[in-house]
Protein backbone atom coordinates (compact mmCIF):
# COMPACT_ATOMS: atom_id res chain seq x y z
CA VAL A 1 0.00 0.00 0.00
CA GLN A 2 1.35 3.42 -0.95
CA LEU A 3 0.10 6.73 0.35
CA GLN A 4 0.59 9.98 -1.52
CA ALA A 5 -0.06 13.15 0.45
CA SER A 6 -0.38 16.61 -1.06
CA GLY A 7 -1.70 20.07 -0.33
CA GLY A 8 0.80 21.46 2.15
CA GLY A 9 2.42 24.85 1.84
CA LEU A 10 2.93 28.25 3.37
CA VAL A 11 -0.12 30.12 4.65
CA GLN A 12 -0.69 33.18 6.79
CA PRO A 13 -2.26 32.90 10.25
CA GLY A 14 -6.02 32.60 9.91
CA GLY A 15 -5.71 31.04 6.48
CA SER A 16 -6.81 27.65 5.17
CA LEU A 17 -5.30 24.63 3.50
CA ARG A 18 -6.71 21.34 2.29
CA LEU A 19 -4.58 18.23 2.50
CA SER A 20 -5.27 15.13 0.45
CA CYS A 21 -3.93 11.61 0.78
CA ALA A 22 -4.59 8.91 -1.78
CA ALA A 23 -3.95 5.24 -1.05
CA SER A 24 -3.04 2.80 -3.80
CA GLY A 25 -1.89 -0.77 -4.12
CA SER A 26 -3.29 -3.88 -2.45
CA ILE A 27 -5.88 -2.30 -0.22
CA PHE A 28 -8.10 -4.56 1.83
CA ASP A 29 -10.41 -3.98 4.71
CA ILE A 30 -9.53 -0.39 5.65
CA THR A 31 -10.22 0.15 9.32
CA TYR A 32 -9.36 3.82 9.37
CA MET A 33 -7.50 6.60 7.58
CA GLY A 34 -6.00 9.47 9.47
CA TRP A 35 -3.69 12.42 9.80
CA TYR A 36 -0.83 12.95 12.24
CA ARG A 37 1.62 15.78 12.51
CA GLN A 38 5.11 16.28 13.82
CA ALA A 39 6.50 19.68 14.65
CA SER A 40 10.23 20.25 14.84
CA GLY A 41 11.60 18.80 18.07
CA LYS A 42 8.29 17.27 19.08
CA GLN A 43 6.69 13.85 18.94
CA ARG A 44 4.26 12.86 16.23
CA GLU A 45 0.68 13.40 17.37
CA LEU A 46 -2.78 12.51 16.14
CA VAL A 47 -4.67 15.24 14.33
CA ALA A 48 -7.78 13.40 13.16
CA ARG A 49 -8.89 9.93 12.17
CA ILE A 50 -11.92 8.57 10.34
CA THR A 51 -13.05 4.95 10.33
CA ALA A 52 -14.65 2.98 7.52
CA GLY A 53 -17.96 3.60 9.23
CA ALA A 54 -17.30 7.36 9.28
CA SER A 55 -16.66 7.56 13.00
CA ILE A 56 -14.34 10.52 13.60
CA LYS A 57 -11.84 11.37 16.29
CA TYR A 58 -10.21 14.79 16.51
CA ALA A 59 -7.39 16.03 18.69
CA ASP A 60 -8.60 18.67 21.10
CA PHE A 61 -6.32 21.29 19.61
CA VAL A 62 -8.02 21.15 16.18
CA ARG A 63 -11.64 20.65 17.14
CA GLY A 64 -13.82 23.18 15.36
CA ARG A 65 -11.06 24.27 12.97
CA PHE A 66 -10.18 21.12 11.02
CA THR A 67 -12.49 18.71 9.22
CA ILE A 68 -11.54 15.22 8.11
CA SER A 69 -13.42 13.44 5.35
CA ARG A 70 -12.88 10.52 3.01
CA ASP A 71 -13.83 9.29 -0.42
CA ASN A 72 -14.15 5.54 -0.06
CA ALA A 73 -14.35 4.93 -3.80
CA ARG A 74 -11.01 6.71 -4.35
CA TYR A 75 -9.33 5.51 -1.12
CA THR A 76 -8.63 9.14 -0.36
CA VAL A 77 -8.73 11.05 2.90
CA TYR A 78 -8.88 14.84 3.18
CA LEU A 79 -8.09 17.31 5.91
CA GLN A 80 -9.64 20.76 5.59
CA MET A 81 -7.74 23.11 7.87
CA ASN A 82 -9.22 26.51 8.68
CA SER A 83 -8.19 29.27 11.08
CA LEU A 84 -4.61 28.07 10.97
CA LYS A 85 -2.23 29.17 13.70
CA PRO A 86 1.57 29.29 13.83
CA ASP A 87 1.42 26.36 16.27
CA ASP A 88 -0.06 24.25 13.46
CA THR A 89 3.28 24.40 11.65
CA ALA A 90 4.47 20.82 11.21
CA VAL A 91 4.96 17.99 8.78
CA TYR A 92 1.59 16.33 8.31
CA TYR A 93 1.49 12.59 7.69
CA CYS A 94 -1.41 10.47 6.56
CA ASN A 95 -1.80 6.85 7.55
CA VAL A 96 -4.11 3.96 6.89
CA LEU A 97 -4.85 0.81 8.84
CA SER A 98 -5.54 -1.78 6.19
CA ASP A 99 -5.83 -5.52 6.73
CA SER A 100 -4.42 -5.01 10.24
CA ARG A 101 -1.29 -3.29 8.88
CA LEU A 102 -0.42 0.35 9.40
CA TYR A 103 0.97 2.32 6.48
CA TRP A 104 2.34 5.88 6.44
CA GLY A 105 2.63 8.50 3.73
CA GLN A 106 5.73 10.59 3.12
CA GLY A 107 4.49 13.75 4.84
CA THR A 108 3.68 17.21 3.61
CA GLN A 109 4.99 20.41 5.18
CA VAL A 110 2.52 22.96 6.51
CA THR A 111 3.98 26.31 7.56
CA VAL A 112 1.81 28.99 9.13
CA SER A 113 3.62 32.29 9.21
CA SER A 114 3.14 35.94 8.36
């Protein structure tokens, strides 16, 4: 399974970005797709996760600002990020739990700065 993430970039505080992550390859029985992030010098942390049944979990620090969604037919997960803050600056990684195996994408840089 390969994951290709895109949509990162530089944005001013208060701005928006939309991340996409498409899964390809031998995909079976997806349990969930999700987004994590890792800021410089910090541990990787959960941002949001969505199950096959559309159950969603958000980290407290993004609730109300970020929205996760998925296109099951395209094996793609999205992360709409609004009201971005400098603290949201990080490399964002997508992952998928498929057939009891966890796969990670290559990461996309999000920088929030004026």
